[in-house]
């Protein structure tokens, strides 16, 4: 007790220095907690974004990750509907997100630009959650009219082409047979993925 009393009296004797020391310790602890929390939040966000974008498991052909395709859909899965039903039969599977990745030219009739696109099922938007920021228009729906196909564009690509929801654009890409094909789409909405390179 005597030592505690002496330490307490010493703190009171040098109040300004004691207050400064306690303040420095408090600032250091808060800084460490903030840095640790920010790092943990970043990793958890990356994990959640990856799970919502590409899923927890990717099913593909063996060559999908080993080499570039020589022609579109070279490494695509045949009979994916059957595979999808088999996967959804497992109670641990929440959803299956089939997709086609492709690239080509996009044009508004006056200006053209290159693009990288993904063909997905419309129900996938319910899984995206907070990682898909709708800037204008609306998301695609499963009740889309096949005679009036719709598309979502990255916000920066839409600004570059000067198009808004309701406008029509043309996509030019290579088919699985190696021929060029063009399809007109109505812009349904503009989205931001949070990554400027993807929004362009």
Foldseek 3Di string as FASTA:
>chain_A
DVVVVVVVVVCVVPVVVNVVVVVVVVVVVVVVVVVVVVVVVVVVVVVLQCCLPCRPDDDWAPCPPPDDDPFFCPTPDPPVVVVQVVQVVDPVDPHDKDKGWFKFWKALPPDIDIAIDMDIQQVSVVSNPPQKAFDDADGDDNPDDPVAAEDEAQPVVCVVRVDAQQGKMKGWGADRVGDIDIDIHGYRTYIHRPDVVNSD
